[in-house]
């Protein structure tokens, strides 16, 4: 009898046949059993890859995944309708936290599937050597990406699922050990290196990884290990080399920065030349239930709700009701004062704040538009002929979040505007109304014009702008400050509000980097990448989580402790496994939990 591992494959871009001429195949084919023999067939390899891709939908753009990577940082704190508060305030995080268990539970089925593709796909006689080389390289990228998430989240994790390190396991086993992080990084870097060597220069189909994806992952893995306790002397140089290989050969790999930062996250641009790795959804409820309410189980966990999480509660403003344009307000993540007023201090020369955040809401219902009152007339806010007339009309401004540099100018005029004006001090003093990150907005194709349904937009995991910042961070760690500044300035030049602002954006970068060190690089990463599911890892990688959370996240500062740089191992893993390498035979928990 054949041993099997039961998996339900839900789709990324399932391929009807190898190297199909279709560029974006979104048909999905459930297959609940993946066996060693099946992995030696073309369909088995492609089904296995589809399964491995699909599991990322449980992590990226989901509430659980974003709670782990966006929350509890210097960028975002909790809004008025917070979910899972321990992940922001750190007090009360434990091994039974469902979001903490998410990556652990989803990674290992995907990893084991990749193990099967790699181990048994190599033995296939139905695939050509060229096909095997490319497809197995794809599986190695996906396995490396999953382990990269795991090692950054939990530290030492399991490489041997029961049949040997990185081997396909066909039988349930409760024996498991944590491999040292040095071994985990070795596995990640080996996989990413081989993927970079063997993947094609251009993606075989839309949504599939290629050489550029692997070089980016390789550079980031080297960079992260270079900061860690498993660091090797050559890590920062290797990170720099991998990033520079991608940068210097961008035309070969079909990548580049988009000219306008506003276009990076514009709906429909998810497969632009800047995008290096995306997670896909499909508008088919058989495989992706994006209904608004009553969705439970896996269907609910893997919904792309990134467009809801950063919304303020605009529906409580006069002249506003929920609509597709403004989105469903989950009110989970509020930008910290540091992000709004310090990281984005320059809102004149740097276009990224205005292109990342919604700060104006236009009236979309006449029913709740207020009228000018006698008190307004008596206060001199409006002339007497405006008494009892609407303060604004449908389609006019209903609310405005004033940027810091205009606060003094606007304050005396605030009550004369008619619409709701939020000064920076008012935004920072409550957690209900605030500028809303708009990178993940989805307005096209909303069924029945329904603002409540989840998004089917692809989520960009990696993009080319970050490659420059990885190279810059590596160069900085190598003592090459001028080179680091030049790399950062490529990103800052694109961010300039206009040609006349380029000098202001670039002239002082080297001096600012010299003075600020890694904090300056983290500031620049916030300006470029805020909200993109990277920040918690940026801060833990650089050893800055405690310092910057204490300094810039008032809700979290008193609760965070040194052991919070890793998440707890999920309790079911502790309770359900035996570790023969442990003195008490228990799977070890991270310190502090």
Protein backbone atom coordinates (compact mmCIF):
# COMPACT_ATOMS: atom_id res chain seq x y z
CA UNK A 1 0.00 0.00 0.00
CA UNK A 2 1.29 3.41 -0.89
CA UNK A 3 1.78 5.85 1.95
CA UNK A 4 0.23 9.23 1.23
CA UNK A 5 0.18 12.71 2.58
CA UNK A 6 -3.27 14.24 2.33
CA UNK A 7 -3.32 17.81 1.11
CA UNK A 8 -6.04 19.95 -0.38
CA UNK A 9 -4.55 21.94 -3.18
CA UNK A 10 -6.13 25.32 -3.69
CA UNK A 11 -4.77 27.44 -6.33
CA UNK A 12 -2.17 29.80 -7.30
CA UNK A 13 -1.64 29.49 -11.04
CA UNK A 14 -2.23 25.81 -11.71
CA UNK A 15 -0.86 24.72 -15.06
CA UNK A 16 -2.82 22.48 -17.37
CA UNK A 17 0.44 21.32 -18.91
CA UNK A 18 4.10 22.10 -18.45
CA UNK A 19 5.17 25.38 -20.03
CA UNK A 20 1.68 26.15 -21.26
CA UNK A 21 1.51 28.99 -23.74
CA UNK A 22 -1.04 30.63 -21.46
CA UNK A 23 0.59 33.36 -19.40
CA UNK A 24 -1.80 33.36 -16.48
CA UNK A 25 -3.77 30.18 -15.88
CA UNK A 26 -6.18 30.54 -12.99
CA UNK A 27 -7.97 27.22 -13.27
CA UNK A 28 -7.49 25.16 -10.14
CA UNK A 29 -7.60 21.41 -9.80
CA UNK A 30 -8.19 19.83 -6.39
CA UNK A 31 -5.99 16.82 -5.72
CA UNK A 32 -6.12 15.42 -2.22
CA UNK A 33 -3.30 12.87 -2.35
CA UNK A 34 0.33 13.51 -3.21
CA UNK A 35 2.44 10.36 -3.34
CA UNK A 36 6.08 9.68 -4.25
CA UNK A 37 4.95 8.07 -7.51
CA UNK A 38 2.67 11.00 -8.31
CA UNK A 39 5.52 13.46 -7.78
CA UNK A 40 7.42 11.73 -10.59
CA UNK A 41 4.74 12.70 -13.12
CA UNK A 42 4.46 16.10 -14.82
CA UNK A 43 1.03 16.60 -13.27
CA UNK A 44 2.34 15.65 -9.84
CA UNK A 45 5.16 18.17 -10.00
CA UNK A 46 2.91 21.01 -11.14
CA UNK A 47 0.19 20.07 -8.63
CA UNK A 48 2.78 20.04 -5.86
CA UNK A 49 4.06 23.47 -6.86
CA UNK A 50 0.50 24.78 -7.00
CA UNK A 51 -0.08 23.51 -3.47
CA UNK A 52 3.10 25.13 -2.19
CA UNK A 53 2.23 28.46 -3.79
CA UNK A 54 -1.33 28.37 -2.49
CA UNK A 55 -0.34 28.06 1.16
CA UNK A 56 1.11 31.57 1.10
CA UNK A 57 -2.47 32.81 0.94
CA UNK A 58 -2.85 31.85 4.58
CA UNK A 59 -0.10 34.30 5.50
CA UNK A 60 0.19 37.24 3.13
CA UNK A 61 -2.53 39.93 3.06
CA UNK A 62 -4.47 38.11 5.78
CA UNK A 63 -5.40 39.46 9.17
CA UNK A 64 -3.30 36.84 10.95
CA UNK A 65 -0.22 37.38 8.82
CA UNK A 66 -0.43 41.14 9.04
CA UNK A 67 -0.98 41.03 12.79
CA UNK A 68 2.38 39.28 13.03
CA UNK A 69 4.29 41.58 10.71
CA UNK A 70 2.62 45.03 10.81
CA UNK A 71 1.36 45.24 14.39
CA UNK A 72 3.54 46.04 17.37
CA UNK A 73 6.13 48.07 15.46
CA UNK A 74 7.17 51.69 15.14
CA UNK A 75 4.94 52.07 12.06
CA UNK A 76 1.50 50.97 13.26
CA UNK A 77 -0.33 50.61 16.53
CA UNK A 78 -3.92 49.55 17.13
CA UNK A 79 -7.03 51.31 15.93
CA UNK A 80 -10.29 51.46 17.83
CA UNK A 81 -11.46 48.02 16.66
CA UNK A 82 -8.30 46.08 17.32
CA UNK A 83 -8.01 42.35 16.85
CA UNK A 84 -5.56 40.23 18.87
CA UNK A 85 -4.22 43.10 21.04
CA UNK A 86 -1.32 41.09 22.56
CA UNK A 87 0.46 41.27 19.22
CA UNK A 88 0.56 45.04 19.50
CA UNK A 89 1.06 45.57 23.23
CA UNK A 90 3.11 42.34 23.71
CA UNK A 91 1.59 41.69 27.13
CA UNK A 92 -0.21 38.36 26.99
CA UNK A 93 1.40 36.81 23.92
CA UNK A 94 1.47 33.07 24.52
CA UNK A 95 1.84 29.76 22.75
CA UNK A 96 -1.93 29.38 22.34
CA UNK A 97 -2.31 32.53 20.24
CA UNK A 98 -3.98 31.56 16.99
CA UNK A 99 -2.19 34.10 14.81
CA UNK A 100 1.17 33.03 16.23
CA UNK A 101 0.41 29.45 15.20
CA UNK A 102 -0.56 30.45 11.67
CA UNK A 103 2.81 30.38 9.87
CA UNK A 104 3.84 27.21 11.70
CA UNK A 105 0.69 25.34 10.75
CA UNK A 106 0.69 26.42 7.12
CA UNK A 107 4.40 26.27 6.33
CA UNK A 108 5.06 22.62 7.01
CA UNK A 109 2.49 21.10 4.63
CA UNK A 110 3.87 23.40 1.94
CA UNK A 111 7.46 22.52 2.85
CA UNK A 112 6.75 18.80 2.83
CA UNK A 113 5.14 19.17 -0.58
CA UNK A 114 8.23 20.97 -1.86
CA UNK A 115 10.33 18.18 -0.37
CA UNK A 116 8.33 15.68 -2.40
CA UNK A 117 8.64 17.66 -5.62
CA UNK A 118 12.39 18.04 -5.17
CA UNK A 119 13.13 14.49 -4.00
CA UNK A 120 10.92 12.54 -6.38
CA UNK A 121 10.63 14.97 -9.27
CA UNK A 122 14.34 14.46 -9.82
CA UNK A 123 13.62 10.76 -10.48
CA UNK A 124 10.98 11.45 -13.10
CA UNK A 125 11.52 9.89 -16.51
CA UNK A 126 8.55 11.76 -17.96
CA UNK A 127 10.24 15.15 -17.56
CA UNK A 128 13.21 16.34 -19.56
CA UNK A 129 16.35 17.38 -17.73
CA UNK A 130 15.63 21.02 -18.59
CA UNK A 131 12.09 20.78 -17.23
CA UNK A 132 13.28 19.13 -14.03
CA UNK A 133 15.97 21.75 -13.51
CA UNK A 134 13.50 24.63 -13.78
CA UNK A 135 10.61 23.12 -11.84
CA UNK A 136 12.76 21.82 -9.01
CA UNK A 137 14.40 25.24 -8.76
CA UNK A 138 10.94 26.72 -8.38
CA UNK A 139 10.20 24.31 -5.53
CA UNK A 140 13.50 25.23 -3.88
CA UNK A 141 12.57 28.91 -3.97
CA UNK A 142 9.21 28.20 -2.34
CA UNK A 143 10.76 25.98 0.33
CA UNK A 144 13.41 28.60 1.06
CA UNK A 145 10.76 31.31 1.33
CA UNK A 146 8.73 29.28 3.82
CA UNK A 147 11.77 28.49 5.94
CA UNK A 148 12.79 32.15 5.79
CA UNK A 149 9.44 33.10 7.29
CA UNK A 150 9.80 30.42 9.96
CA UNK A 151 13.36 31.19 11.07
CA UNK A 152 12.63 34.90 11.37
CA UNK A 153 9.44 34.25 13.31
CA UNK A 154 10.45 31.40 15.65
CA UNK A 155 14.23 31.01 15.41
CA UNK A 156 15.36 27.37 15.42
CA UNK A 157 12.79 25.22 13.62
CA UNK A 158 12.40 21.68 12.32
CA UNK A 159 14.17 20.55 9.14
CA UNK A 160 13.51 16.82 9.57
CA UNK A 161 9.79 16.10 9.23
CA UNK A 162 10.30 12.41 9.96
CA UNK A 163 12.20 11.01 7.00
CA UNK A 164 15.42 12.99 7.28
CA UNK A 165 16.32 16.67 6.83
CA UNK A 166 14.48 18.19 3.85
CA UNK A 167 13.08 14.79 2.87
CA UNK A 168 9.49 14.08 1.91
CA UNK A 169 7.70 12.48 4.84
CA UNK A 170 5.03 9.94 3.96
CA UNK A 171 4.06 8.77 7.45
CA UNK A 172 2.73 10.75 10.42
CA UNK A 173 5.39 11.20 13.08
CA UNK A 174 5.42 12.84 16.49
CA UNK A 175 9.23 12.87 16.67
CA UNK A 176 10.65 16.30 15.93
CA UNK A 177 13.68 18.38 16.87
CA UNK A 178 14.59 22.01 16.39
CA UNK A 179 17.55 22.47 14.07
CA UNK A 180 19.97 25.27 15.02
CA UNK A 181 19.31 28.50 13.15
CA UNK A 182 22.69 28.10 11.46
CA UNK A 183 21.43 24.90 9.86
CA UNK A 184 18.15 26.52 8.88
CA UNK A 185 19.92 29.44 7.21
CA UNK A 186 22.27 27.02 5.45
CA UNK A 187 19.24 25.24 4.01
CA UNK A 188 17.58 28.52 2.98
CA UNK A 189 20.68 29.87 1.29
CA UNK A 190 21.43 26.60 -0.48
CA UNK A 191 17.89 26.45 -1.86
CA UNK A 192 17.84 30.12 -2.84
CA UNK A 193 21.28 29.86 -4.47
CA UNK A 194 20.27 26.85 -6.54
CA UNK A 195 17.00 28.54 -7.46
CA UNK A 196 18.88 31.65 -8.60
CA UNK A 197 21.21 29.49 -10.67
CA UNK A 198 18.54 27.37 -12.34
CA UNK A 199 15.39 29.47 -12.67
CA UNK A 200 14.81 31.14 -16.06
CA UNK A 201 15.72 34.76 -16.71
CA UNK A 202 12.02 35.56 -17.22
CA UNK A 203 8.97 33.98 -15.56
CA UNK A 204 7.56 30.97 -17.38
CA UNK A 205 4.05 32.23 -16.68
CA UNK A 206 2.53 35.18 -14.89
CA UNK A 207 2.73 34.69 -11.14
CA UNK A 208 5.58 32.17 -11.18
CA UNK A 209 8.98 32.94 -9.71
CA UNK A 210 12.08 33.42 -11.84
CA UNK A 211 15.74 34.31 -11.43
CA UNK A 212 14.99 37.84 -10.19
CA UNK A 213 12.75 36.47 -7.42
CA UNK A 214 15.47 34.09 -6.25
CA UNK A 215 18.27 36.66 -6.31
CA UNK A 216 16.17 38.99 -4.16
CA UNK A 217 15.39 36.23 -1.66
CA UNK A 218 19.03 35.15 -1.62
CA UNK A 219 20.22 38.69 -0.94
CA UNK A 220 17.71 39.15 1.85
CA UNK A 221 18.54 35.80 3.44
CA UNK A 222 22.26 36.59 3.46
CA UNK A 223 21.54 40.04 4.88
CA UNK A 224 19.35 38.67 7.65
CA UNK A 225 21.80 35.94 8.59
CA UNK A 226 24.55 38.54 8.68
CA UNK A 227 22.81 40.26 11.58
CA UNK A 228 22.05 36.99 13.40
CA UNK A 229 23.88 34.76 15.86
CA UNK A 230 24.60 32.43 12.92
CA UNK A 231 26.40 35.15 10.97
CA UNK A 232 29.25 34.28 8.67
CA UNK A 233 31.97 36.76 7.77
CA UNK A 234 30.97 36.88 4.11
CA UNK A 235 27.22 37.35 4.61
CA UNK A 236 26.99 41.08 3.98
CA UNK A 237 29.27 40.83 0.96
CA UNK A 238 27.20 37.97 -0.41
CA UNK A 239 23.99 39.91 0.23
CA UNK A 240 25.45 42.86 -1.65
CA UNK A 241 26.64 40.67 -4.52
CA UNK A 242 23.26 38.97 -4.99
CA UNK A 243 21.35 42.25 -4.88
CA UNK A 244 23.81 43.90 -7.26
CA UNK A 245 23.57 40.99 -9.68
CA UNK A 246 19.85 41.68 -9.91
CA UNK A 247 20.30 45.45 -10.14
CA UNK A 248 23.08 45.33 -12.72
CA UNK A 249 21.20 42.84 -14.91
CA UNK A 250 17.72 44.27 -14.50
CA UNK A 251 17.08 44.42 -18.25
CA UNK A 252 18.03 40.76 -18.62
CA UNK A 253 15.53 39.78 -15.93
CA UNK A 254 12.84 42.22 -17.07
CA UNK A 255 12.69 44.29 -13.90
CA UNK A 256 12.99 47.97 -13.07
CA UNK A 257 11.51 50.66 -10.87
CA UNK A 258 8.28 52.14 -12.14
CA UNK A 259 8.78 55.85 -12.86
CA UNK A 260 5.97 56.98 -10.54
CA UNK A 261 5.63 55.66 -6.98
CA UNK A 262 1.86 56.04 -7.26
CA UNK A 263 1.81 53.29 -9.88
CA UNK A 264 3.59 50.70 -7.73
CA UNK A 265 0.44 49.74 -5.82
CA UNK A 266 -2.11 50.87 -8.37
CA UNK A 267 -4.70 48.17 -8.92
CA UNK A 268 -3.81 46.26 -12.08
CA UNK A 269 -0.05 46.79 -11.67
CA UNK A 270 0.61 43.79 -9.45
CA UNK A 271 2.63 42.12 -12.23
CA UNK A 272 4.54 45.22 -13.24
CA UNK A 273 8.27 45.20 -13.93
CA UNK A 274 8.86 46.22 -10.29
CA UNK A 275 7.10 43.16 -8.82
CA UNK A 276 9.37 40.21 -8.02
CA UNK A 277 7.09 37.80 -6.16
CA UNK A 278 3.34 37.88 -5.67
CA UNK A 279 0.71 35.78 -3.95
CA UNK A 280 -2.36 35.30 -6.09
CA UNK A 281 -6.08 34.99 -5.40
CA UNK A 282 -8.80 33.95 -7.82
CA UNK A 283 -12.32 35.31 -8.12
CA UNK A 284 -13.95 31.90 -7.85
CA UNK A 285 -15.70 30.98 -4.62
CA UNK A 286 -15.06 27.27 -5.18
CA UNK A 287 -11.42 27.96 -4.31
CA UNK A 288 -11.44 31.42 -2.78
CA UNK A 289 -14.51 32.39 -0.78
CA UNK A 290 -14.29 36.16 -0.57
CA UNK A 291 -17.84 36.64 0.65
CA UNK A 292 -18.36 39.40 3.17
CA UNK A 293 -19.95 37.53 6.05
CA UNK A 294 -20.33 34.03 7.44
CA UNK A 295 -17.06 32.72 6.03
CA UNK A 296 -15.44 30.28 8.45
CA UNK A 297 -12.55 27.84 8.61
CA UNK A 298 -9.76 27.99 6.06
CA UNK A 299 -11.87 30.10 3.72
CA UNK A 300 -11.97 32.87 6.29
CA UNK A 301 -8.34 32.59 7.35
CA UNK A 302 -6.97 33.01 3.84
CA UNK A 303 -9.10 35.94 2.75
CA UNK A 304 -7.17 38.92 1.41
CA UNK A 305 -8.41 41.60 3.82
CA UNK A 306 -5.42 43.92 3.47
CA UNK A 307 -7.71 46.57 2.01
CA UNK A 308 -9.81 46.64 5.22
CA UNK A 309 -7.22 46.53 7.98
CA UNK A 310 -5.77 50.03 7.69
CA UNK A 311 -9.10 51.87 7.33
CA UNK A 312 -10.17 54.47 9.84
CA UNK A 313 -13.82 54.65 10.91
CA UNK A 314 -14.77 57.21 8.28
CA UNK A 315 -18.40 56.02 8.33
CA UNK A 316 -18.89 57.97 11.58
CA UNK A 317 -18.01 61.24 9.83
CA UNK A 318 -20.76 63.60 8.65
CA UNK A 319 -21.57 63.07 4.99
CA UNK A 320 -20.04 59.59 4.84
CA UNK A 321 -21.35 56.05 4.48
CA UNK A 322 -19.51 52.84 3.61
CA UNK A 323 -18.79 52.44 -0.09
CA UNK A 324 -16.39 50.64 -2.42
CA UNK A 325 -14.18 53.67 -2.94
CA UNK A 326 -13.45 54.12 0.75
CA UNK A 327 -13.67 50.47 1.76
CA UNK A 328 -14.81 48.41 4.69
CA UNK A 329 -13.38 49.94 7.88
CA UNK A 330 -11.87 47.23 10.09
CA UNK A 331 -9.97 49.99 11.98
CA UNK A 332 -7.21 47.58 12.99
CA UNK A 333 -3.98 49.49 12.33
CA UNK A 334 -3.41 53.15 13.04
CA UNK A 335 -0.19 54.85 11.90
CA UNK A 336 1.99 55.90 14.82
CA UNK A 337 2.74 59.60 15.32
CA UNK A 338 6.34 58.77 14.44
CA UNK A 339 5.36 57.37 11.05
CA UNK A 340 3.06 60.25 10.15
CA UNK A 341 5.06 63.16 11.50
CA UNK A 342 8.69 62.00 11.61
CA UNK A 343 9.31 59.32 9.02
CA UNK A 344 7.19 61.32 6.59
CA UNK A 345 8.29 64.70 7.90
CA UNK A 346 8.98 65.94 4.35
CA UNK A 347 5.65 65.80 2.57
CA UNK A 348 6.64 68.48 0.06
CA UNK A 349 9.66 66.99 -1.70
CA UNK A 350 8.88 63.33 -0.96
CA UNK A 351 5.74 62.15 -2.75
CA UNK A 352 5.40 58.83 -0.94
CA UNK A 353 3.20 60.01 1.93
CA UNK A 354 0.52 61.43 -0.34
CA UNK A 355 0.77 58.43 -2.66
CA UNK A 356 0.53 55.94 0.22
CA UNK A 357 -2.16 57.45 2.45
CA UNK A 358 -5.71 58.65 2.00
CA UNK A 359 -6.09 61.93 3.88
CA UNK A 360 -9.26 63.34 2.27
CA UNK A 361 -12.75 61.84 2.27
CA UNK A 362 -15.38 63.15 -0.17
CA UNK A 363 -19.01 63.25 0.92
CA UNK A 364 -20.94 60.30 -0.48
CA UNK A 365 -24.31 60.77 1.22
CA UNK A 366 -26.38 63.92 1.60
CA UNK A 367 -28.36 62.46 4.49
CA UNK A 368 -25.85 63.35 7.20
CA UNK A 369 -24.32 66.55 5.83
CA UNK A 370 -24.56 69.13 8.65
CA UNK A 371 -25.84 72.69 8.29
CA UNK A 372 -24.39 75.97 9.48
CA UNK A 373 -25.89 76.95 12.83
CA UNK A 374 -26.50 80.22 14.62
CA UNK A 375 -23.54 79.36 16.84
CA UNK A 376 -21.36 79.21 13.72
CA UNK A 377 -22.61 82.63 12.62
CA UNK A 378 -22.09 84.11 16.10
CA UNK A 379 -18.54 82.73 16.19
CA UNK A 380 -17.76 84.41 12.88
CA UNK A 381 -17.18 81.14 11.11
CA UNK A 382 -19.69 81.89 8.36
CA UNK A 383 -21.84 84.77 7.14
CA UNK A 384 -25.48 85.03 8.19
CA UNK A 385 -26.77 84.22 4.71
CA UNK A 386 -25.37 80.69 5.09
CA UNK A 387 -27.51 79.94 8.17
CA UNK A 388 -29.22 76.53 7.95
CA UNK A 389 -27.54 75.76 4.64
CA UNK A 390 -25.38 72.65 4.16
CA UNK A 391 -21.79 73.03 5.24
CA UNK A 392 -20.72 71.13 2.11
CA UNK A 393 -22.32 69.31 -0.78
CA UNK A 394 -22.29 65.77 -2.08
CA UNK A 395 -18.87 65.13 -3.62
CA UNK A 396 -17.19 67.90 -1.64
CA UNK A 397 -14.59 67.33 1.04
CA UNK A 398 -16.15 65.79 4.15
CA UNK A 399 -12.94 65.32 6.14
CA UNK A 400 -9.26 66.20 5.87
CA UNK A 401 -6.31 64.95 7.90
CA UNK A 402 -3.97 67.94 7.94
CA UNK A 403 -0.25 67.24 7.42
CA UNK A 404 2.11 68.42 10.13
CA UNK A 405 3.74 71.13 8.02
CA UNK A 406 0.37 72.85 7.46
CA UNK A 407 -0.88 72.64 11.05
CA UNK A 408 -0.07 76.21 12.06
CA UNK A 409 -1.52 77.60 8.85
CA UNK A 410 -4.77 75.63 9.04
CA UNK A 411 -5.50 75.87 12.77
CA UNK A 412 -7.04 79.40 12.71
CA UNK A 413 -9.24 78.44 9.76
CA UNK A 414 -10.35 75.05 10.99
CA UNK A 415 -13.86 75.96 12.15
CA UNK A 416 -14.53 77.97 9.00
CA UNK A 417 -14.07 75.03 6.67
CA UNK A 418 -17.42 73.36 7.27
CA UNK A 419 -16.03 69.90 6.78
CA UNK A 420 -14.24 67.95 9.52
CA UNK A 421 -10.61 69.00 9.92
CA UNK A 422 -8.25 66.79 11.92
CA UNK A 423 -5.05 68.47 13.04
CA UNK A 424 -2.05 66.21 13.74
CA UNK A 425 -2.53 66.60 17.48
CA UNK A 426 -6.15 65.43 17.11
CA UNK A 427 -5.17 62.46 14.95
CA UNK A 428 -2.55 61.42 17.47
CA UNK A 429 -4.91 61.83 20.42
CA UNK A 430 -7.41 59.09 19.49
CA UNK A 431 -7.48 55.86 17.49
CA UNK A 432 -10.67 56.11 15.45
CA UNK A 433 -9.86 58.67 12.74
CA UNK A 434 -6.48 58.72 11.02
CA UNK A 435 -4.82 58.73 7.58
CA UNK A 436 -5.51 55.42 5.87
CA UNK A 437 -2.91 53.37 4.02
CA UNK A 438 -4.29 52.94 0.52
CA UNK A 439 -1.70 50.62 -1.06
CA UNK A 440 -4.08 47.67 -1.08
CA UNK A 441 -7.28 49.40 -2.20
CA UNK A 442 -9.44 47.31 -4.52
CA UNK A 443 -12.29 49.01 -6.31
CA UNK A 444 -12.38 47.33 -9.72
CA UNK A 445 -14.51 44.24 -10.16
CA UNK A 446 -16.25 44.42 -6.78
CA UNK A 447 -19.26 42.11 -7.07
CA UNK A 448 -22.54 44.01 -6.92
CA UNK A 449 -20.54 47.10 -5.95
CA UNK A 450 -20.16 45.50 -2.52
CA UNK A 451 -17.52 47.15 -0.27
CA UNK A 452 -17.59 44.24 2.18
CA UNK A 453 -16.17 41.40 0.09
CA UNK A 454 -12.51 40.46 0.37
CA UNK A 455 -9.98 41.38 -2.28
CA UNK A 456 -8.73 39.17 -5.09
CA UNK A 457 -5.82 41.47 -5.89
CA UNK A 458 -2.42 39.75 -5.93
CA UNK A 459 -0.23 40.76 -3.00
CA UNK A 460 3.33 41.82 -3.76
CA UNK A 461 5.72 40.09 -1.37
CA UNK A 462 8.94 41.37 -2.95
CA UNK A 463 9.57 44.30 -5.25
CA UNK A 464 12.61 45.79 -6.92
CA UNK A 465 12.79 48.96 -4.83
CA UNK A 466 13.58 46.80 -1.82
CA UNK A 467 16.46 45.20 -3.73
CA UNK A 468 18.18 48.60 -3.74
CA UNK A 469 17.58 48.98 -0.02
CA UNK A 470 18.93 45.50 0.69
CA UNK A 471 22.07 46.33 -1.30
CA UNK A 472 22.34 49.64 0.56
CA UNK A 473 22.06 48.00 3.97
CA UNK A 474 24.68 45.42 3.03
CA UNK A 475 26.99 48.14 1.70
CA UNK A 476 26.54 50.11 4.90
CA UNK A 477 27.46 47.09 6.99
CA UNK A 478 30.56 46.68 4.82
CA UNK A 479 31.57 50.27 5.59
CA UNK A 480 30.78 51.49 2.06
CA UNK A 481 28.69 54.49 3.08
CA UNK A 482 28.96 56.38 -0.21
CA UNK A 483 27.85 53.34 -2.18
CA UNK A 484 24.99 52.76 0.27
CA UNK A 485 23.85 56.37 -0.10
CA UNK A 486 23.94 56.13 -3.89
CA UNK A 487 21.76 53.02 -3.81
CA UNK A 488 19.27 54.67 -1.46
CA UNK A 489 19.22 57.72 -3.73
CA UNK A 490 17.96 55.63 -6.63
CA UNK A 491 14.84 54.94 -4.58
CA UNK A 492 14.63 58.51 -3.28
CA UNK A 493 14.96 59.98 -6.77
CA UNK A 494 11.93 58.01 -7.91
CA UNK A 495 10.08 59.26 -4.80
CA UNK A 496 10.75 62.94 -5.54
CA UNK A 497 7.55 64.94 -5.97
CA UNK A 498 8.92 66.52 -9.14
CA UNK A 499 12.20 67.06 -10.96
CA UNK A 500 12.91 70.15 -8.91
CA UNK A 501 12.71 68.13 -5.69
CA UNK A 502 15.39 65.59 -6.61
CA UNK A 503 18.23 67.62 -5.15
CA UNK A 504 16.40 68.06 -1.86
CA UNK A 505 15.72 64.32 -1.80
CA UNK A 506 19.29 63.21 -2.50
CA UNK A 507 21.83 65.87 -1.53
CA UNK A 508 22.07 64.99 2.17
CA UNK A 509 21.60 61.22 2.05
CA UNK A 510 25.23 60.33 2.72
CA UNK A 511 25.48 62.79 5.61
CA UNK A 512 22.17 61.59 7.06
CA UNK A 513 23.24 57.97 6.71
CA UNK A 514 26.57 58.68 8.37
CA UNK A 515 24.83 60.42 11.26
CA UNK A 516 21.86 58.08 11.62
CA UNK A 517 23.37 54.73 10.74
CA UNK A 518 21.02 51.80 10.53
CA UNK A 519 18.20 53.93 11.94
CA UNK A 520 18.33 56.06 8.81
CA UNK A 521 18.02 52.95 6.64
CA UNK A 522 15.07 51.79 8.74
CA UNK A 523 13.48 55.21 8.34
CA UNK A 524 13.90 54.97 4.58
CA UNK A 525 12.44 51.48 4.53
CA UNK A 526 9.41 52.83 6.39
CA UNK A 527 8.91 55.57 3.82
CA UNK A 528 9.18 53.14 0.92
CA UNK A 529 7.67 49.93 2.31
CA UNK A 530 5.35 50.79 5.22
CA UNK A 531 2.51 48.34 5.68
CA UNK A 532 3.95 45.79 3.24
CA UNK A 533 4.32 43.00 5.82
CA UNK A 534 8.03 43.57 6.44
CA UNK A 535 8.41 45.88 9.40
CA UNK A 536 8.49 43.48 12.35
CA UNK A 537 11.17 41.50 10.55
CA UNK A 538 13.13 44.65 9.68
CA UNK A 539 13.25 45.59 13.34
CA UNK A 540 14.11 42.13 14.63
CA UNK A 541 16.75 41.64 11.93
CA UNK A 542 18.60 44.82 12.88
CA UNK A 543 18.18 44.40 16.64
CA UNK A 544 16.05 47.53 16.84
CA UNK A 545 12.65 46.12 17.81
CA UNK A 546 12.83 47.01 21.49
CA UNK A 547 14.41 50.42 21.07
CA UNK A 548 12.08 51.65 18.36
CA UNK A 549 8.88 50.18 19.75
CA UNK A 550 9.61 51.73 23.14
CA UNK A 551 10.39 55.06 21.52
CA UNK A 552 7.61 55.26 18.93
CA UNK A 553 4.70 52.95 19.86
CA UNK A 554 3.17 54.24 23.08
CA UNK A 555 0.73 51.34 23.42
CA UNK A 556 3.47 48.70 23.13
CA UNK A 557 6.43 50.34 24.80
CA UNK A 558 5.69 49.29 28.36
CA UNK A 559 4.98 45.65 27.50
CA UNK A 560 7.73 44.64 25.13
CA UNK A 561 10.66 42.60 26.48
CA UNK A 562 13.82 41.18 24.96
CA UNK A 563 12.36 37.71 24.39
CA UNK A 564 9.65 39.19 22.15
CA UNK A 565 12.10 39.21 19.23
CA UNK A 566 10.87 35.66 18.61
CA UNK A 567 7.32 34.32 18.69
CA UNK A 568 6.42 31.35 20.89
CA UNK A 569 6.36 27.86 19.43
CA UNK A 570 2.64 26.91 19.14
CA UNK A 571 1.44 24.85 22.08
CA UNK A 572 0.10 21.93 20.02
CA UNK A 573 3.64 21.36 18.74
CA UNK A 574 4.94 21.29 22.33
CA UNK A 575 2.19 18.98 23.53
CA UNK A 576 2.06 16.66 20.55
CA UNK A 577 5.67 15.86 19.76
CA UNK A 578 8.67 14.12 21.26
CA UNK A 579 12.16 15.56 20.85
CA UNK A 580 14.79 12.86 21.44
CA UNK A 581 17.53 15.50 21.55
CA UNK A 582 15.90 17.29 24.49
CA UNK A 583 16.70 16.28 28.07
CA UNK A 584 13.01 16.00 28.93
CA UNK A 585 11.98 14.73 25.48
CA UNK A 586 9.80 17.80 25.01
CA UNK A 587 9.92 20.03 21.98
CA UNK A 588 11.72 23.15 23.28
CA UNK A 589 9.84 26.42 23.73
CA UNK A 590 11.42 29.79 23.08
CA UNK A 591 12.64 31.57 26.18
CA UNK A 592 10.20 33.82 28.01
CA UNK A 593 7.05 31.94 27.01
